[in-house]
C-alpha atoms as a PDB file:
ATOM      1  CA  UNK A   1      16.968  21.899 -13.484  1.00  0.00           C
ATOM      2  CA  UNK A   2      16.747  20.140 -16.825  1.00  0.00           C
ATOM      3  CA  UNK A   3      14.254  17.428 -15.898  1.00  0.00           C
ATOM      4  CA  UNK A   4      10.790  17.223 -14.393  1.00  0.00           C
ATOM      5  CA  UNK A   5       9.334  14.301 -12.449  1.00  0.00           C
ATOM      6  CA  UNK A   6       5.959  13.487 -14.018  1.00  0.00           C
ATOM      7  CA  UNK A   7       4.535  10.709 -11.838  1.00  0.00           C
ATOM      8  CA  UNK A   8       5.377   7.829  -9.538  1.00  0.00           C
ATOM      9  CA  UNK A   9       5.534   4.488 -11.313  1.00  0.00           C
ATOM     10  CA  UNK A  10       5.607   2.082  -8.358  1.00  0.00           C
ATOM     11  CA  UNK A  11       6.296   1.682  -4.657  1.00  0.00           C
ATOM     12  CA  UNK A  12       8.139  -1.298  -3.190  1.00  0.00           C
ATOM     13  CA  UNK A  13       7.028  -2.726   0.176  1.00  0.00           C
ATOM     14  CA  UNK A  14       8.813  -5.502   2.050  1.00  0.00           C
ATOM     15  CA  UNK A  15       7.255  -8.818   3.020  1.00  0.00           C
ATOM     16  CA  UNK A  16       8.460 -12.176   4.342  1.00  0.00           C
ATOM     17  CA  UNK A  17       8.736 -15.362   2.302  1.00  0.00           C
ATOM     18  CA  UNK A  18       5.316 -16.935   1.613  1.00  0.00           C
ATOM     19  CA  UNK A  19       3.506 -13.576   1.759  1.00  0.00           C
ATOM     20  CA  UNK A  20       1.480 -13.905  -1.440  1.00  0.00           C
ATOM     21  CA  UNK A  21      -1.905 -15.016  -0.039  1.00  0.00           C
ATOM     22  CA  UNK A  22      -1.851 -12.455   2.776  1.00  0.00           C
ATOM     23  CA  UNK A  23      -0.895  -9.762   0.251  1.00  0.00           C
ATOM     24  CA  UNK A  24      -3.785 -10.755  -2.031  1.00  0.00           C
ATOM     25  CA  UNK A  25      -6.217 -10.800   0.898  1.00  0.00           C
ATOM     26  CA  UNK A  26      -5.258  -7.290   1.966  1.00  0.00           C
ATOM     27  CA  UNK A  27      -4.397  -5.400  -1.221  1.00  0.00           C
ATOM     28  CA  UNK A  28      -6.992  -7.060  -3.499  1.00  0.00           C
ATOM     29  CA  UNK A  29      -9.578  -8.256  -0.997  1.00  0.00           C
ATOM     30  CA  UNK A  30      -9.727  -5.250   1.332  1.00  0.00           C
ATOM     31  CA  UNK A  31      -8.317  -2.353  -0.711  1.00  0.00           C
ATOM     32  CA  UNK A  32      -9.727  -3.554  -4.043  1.00  0.00           C
ATOM     33  CA  UNK A  33      -6.509  -3.289  -6.060  1.00  0.00           C
ATOM     34  CA  UNK A  34      -6.057  -5.500  -9.117  1.00  0.00           C
ATOM     35  CA  UNK A  35      -3.174  -7.955  -9.072  1.00  0.00           C
ATOM     36  CA  UNK A  36      -0.633  -7.540 -11.885  1.00  0.00           C
ATOM     37  CA  UNK A  37       1.093 -10.496 -13.525  1.00  0.00           C
ATOM     38  CA  UNK A  38       4.785 -10.344 -12.671  1.00  0.00           C
ATOM     39  CA  UNK A  39       7.351 -10.784 -15.438  1.00  0.00           C
ATOM     40  CA  UNK A  40       8.331 -14.460 -15.726  1.00  0.00           C
ATOM     41  CA  UNK A  41      11.915 -13.870 -14.618  1.00  0.00           C
ATOM     42  CA  UNK A  42      10.706 -12.291 -11.338  1.00  0.00           C
ATOM     43  CA  UNK A  43       8.121 -14.917 -10.360  1.00  0.00           C
ATOM     44  CA  UNK A  44      10.708 -17.165  -8.684  1.00  0.00           C
ATOM     45  CA  UNK A  45      11.537 -14.344  -6.246  1.00  0.00           C
ATOM     46  CA  UNK A  46       8.045 -14.465  -4.739  1.00  0.00           C
ATOM     47  CA  UNK A  47       5.905 -11.534  -3.695  1.00  0.00           C
ATOM     48  CA  UNK A  48       3.027  -9.949  -5.592  1.00  0.00           C
ATOM     49  CA  UNK A  49       2.270  -6.795  -7.583  1.00  0.00           C
ATOM     50  CA  UNK A  50      -0.922  -4.731  -7.520  1.00  0.00           C
ATOM     51  CA  UNK A  51      -2.098  -1.708  -9.490  1.00  0.00           C
ATOM     52  CA  UNK A  52      -4.586   1.114  -9.630  1.00  0.00           C
ATOM     53  CA  UNK A  53      -4.525   3.242 -12.739  1.00  0.00           C
ATOM     54  CA  UNK A  54      -0.937   3.623 -13.884  1.00  0.00           C
ATOM     55  CA  UNK A  55       0.506   3.185 -10.379  1.00  0.00           C
ATOM     56  CA  UNK A  56       1.782  -0.098  -8.936  1.00  0.00           C
ATOM     57  CA  UNK A  57       2.635  -1.496  -5.515  1.00  0.00           C
ATOM     58  CA  UNK A  58       5.287  -4.214  -5.519  1.00  0.00           C
ATOM     59  CA  UNK A  59       5.304  -6.500  -2.497  1.00  0.00           C
ATOM     60  CA  UNK A  60       8.836  -7.857  -2.502  1.00  0.00           C
ATOM     61  CA  UNK A  61      10.207 -10.731  -0.454  1.00  0.00           C
ATOM     62  CA  UNK A  62      13.160  -9.718   1.687  1.00  0.00           C
ATOM     63  CA  UNK A  63      15.326 -11.818   3.966  1.00  0.00           C
ATOM     64  CA  UNK A  64      15.868 -10.860   6.631  1.00  0.00           C
ATOM     65  CA  UNK A  65      12.488  -9.166   6.571  1.00  0.00           C
ATOM     66  CA  UNK A  66      11.942  -5.807   8.234  1.00  0.00           C
ATOM     67  CA  UNK A  67       8.752  -3.798   7.612  1.00  0.00           C
ATOM     68  CA  UNK A  68       8.991  -0.171   6.515  1.00  0.00           C
ATOM     69  CA  UNK A  69       7.951   1.970   9.491  1.00  0.00           C
ATOM     70  CA  UNK A  70       8.902   5.442   8.303  1.00  0.00           C
ATOM     71  CA  UNK A  71       9.075   5.391   4.504  1.00  0.00           C
ATOM     72  CA  UNK A  72       5.595   4.603   3.292  1.00  0.00           C
ATOM     73  CA  UNK A  73       3.254   5.134   0.357  1.00  0.00           C
ATOM     74  CA  UNK A  74       0.532   7.763   0.735  1.00  0.00           C
ATOM     75  CA  UNK A  75      -2.762   7.228  -1.085  1.00  0.00           C
ATOM     76  CA  UNK A  76      -5.138  10.101  -1.835  1.00  0.00           C
ATOM     77  CA  UNK A  77      -8.782   9.081  -1.347  1.00  0.00           C
ATOM     78  CA  UNK A  78     -11.963  10.961  -2.143  1.00  0.00           C
ATOM     79  CA  UNK A  79     -13.977   9.918   0.921  1.00  0.00           C
ATOM     80  CA  UNK A  80     -11.874   9.043   3.928  1.00  0.00           C
ATOM     81  CA  UNK A  81     -14.919   8.541   6.163  1.00  0.00           C
ATOM     82  CA  UNK A  82     -16.166   5.828   3.809  1.00  0.00           C
ATOM     83  CA  UNK A  83     -12.713   4.214   3.882  1.00  0.00           C
ATOM     84  CA  UNK A  84     -12.717   4.288   7.696  1.00  0.00           C
ATOM     85  CA  UNK A  85     -16.106   2.566   7.736  1.00  0.00           C
ATOM     86  CA  UNK A  86     -14.899  -0.063   5.265  1.00  0.00           C
ATOM     87  CA  UNK A  87     -11.717  -0.744   7.247  1.00  0.00           C
ATOM     88  CA  UNK A  88     -13.728  -1.045  10.474  1.00  0.00           C
ATOM     89  CA  UNK A  89     -16.102  -3.537   8.832  1.00  0.00           C
ATOM     90  CA  UNK A  90     -13.068  -5.544   7.655  1.00  0.00           C
ATOM     91  CA  UNK A  91     -11.605  -5.343  11.189  1.00  0.00           C
ATOM     92  CA  UNK A  92      -8.512  -3.503   9.979  1.00  0.00           C
ATOM     93  CA  UNK A  93      -7.113  -1.192  12.638  1.00  0.00           C
ATOM     94  CA  UNK A  94      -6.170   2.369  11.710  1.00  0.00           C
ATOM     95  CA  UNK A  95      -5.059   5.484  13.518  1.00  0.00           C
ATOM     96  CA  UNK A  96      -6.231   8.984  12.704  1.00  0.00           C
ATOM     97  CA  UNK A  97      -3.609  11.682  12.299  1.00  0.00           C
ATOM     98  CA  UNK A  98      -4.484  15.385  12.379  1.00  0.00           C
ATOM     99  CA  UNK A  99      -0.925  16.697  12.037  1.00  0.00           C
ATOM    100  CA  UNK A 100      -1.128  17.598   8.337  1.00  0.00           C
ATOM    101  CA  UNK A 101      -2.875  20.957   7.766  1.00  0.00           C
ATOM    102  CA  UNK A 102      -5.504  20.822   5.039  1.00  0.00           C
ATOM    103  CA  UNK A 103      -5.924  17.049   5.079  1.00  0.00           C
ATOM    104  CA  UNK A 104      -7.685  14.293   6.931  1.00  0.00           C
ATOM    105  CA  UNK A 105      -5.506  11.210   7.104  1.00  0.00           C
ATOM    106  CA  UNK A 106      -5.197   7.801   8.642  1.00  0.00           C
ATOM    107  CA  UNK A 107      -2.426   5.235   8.949  1.00  0.00           C
ATOM    108  CA  UNK A 108      -2.892   1.505   8.441  1.00  0.00           C
ATOM    109  CA  UNK A 109      -0.429  -1.372   8.716  1.00  0.00           C
ATOM    110  CA  UNK A 110      -0.559  -4.074   6.063  1.00  0.00           C
ATOM    111  CA  UNK A 111      -0.334  -7.740   7.168  1.00  0.00           C
ATOM    112  CA  UNK A 112       3.481  -7.468   7.187  1.00  0.00           C
ATOM    113  CA  UNK A 113       3.733  -4.316   9.315  1.00  0.00           C
ATOM    114  CA  UNK A 114       4.369  -1.832   6.499  1.00  0.00           C
ATOM    115  CA  UNK A 115       2.809   1.541   7.263  1.00  0.00           C
ATOM    116  CA  UNK A 116       0.347   2.899   4.669  1.00  0.00           C
ATOM    117  CA  UNK A 117      -1.074   6.422   4.697  1.00  0.00           C
ATOM    118  CA  UNK A 118      -4.459   7.406   3.300  1.00  0.00           C
ATOM    119  CA  UNK A 119      -5.392  11.056   3.050  1.00  0.00           C
ATOM    120  CA  UNK A 120      -8.161  13.274   1.785  1.00  0.00           C
ATOM    121  CA  UNK A 121      -7.277  16.869   0.978  1.00  0.00           C
ATOM    122  CA  UNK A 122      -9.813  19.351   2.348  1.00  0.00           C
END
């Protein structure tokens, strides 16, 4: 192989028209991600972008809208118990999943039904 993948740049999640405030409430308000200014030519399409470090999540408007149930981003966290407590305090439902050896993980649905995975390697 003559190439090597170095990192993931961004993940695209689907959302319905008018999703921006709900996206900000969840991704910025609950998860603490910073919103990124979209390029001017993409603003008319709606949606919102968020970042942490060099990684971005793009919430894109799709019609007809269908949330991603199988393909999903997975976030590595350093204290999953603290995240569980935070999500509970914010009244965000999550399910624990013990099917990945060597990791503790949970699944959360964003306000649009997209499935997000959070895991802590042990």
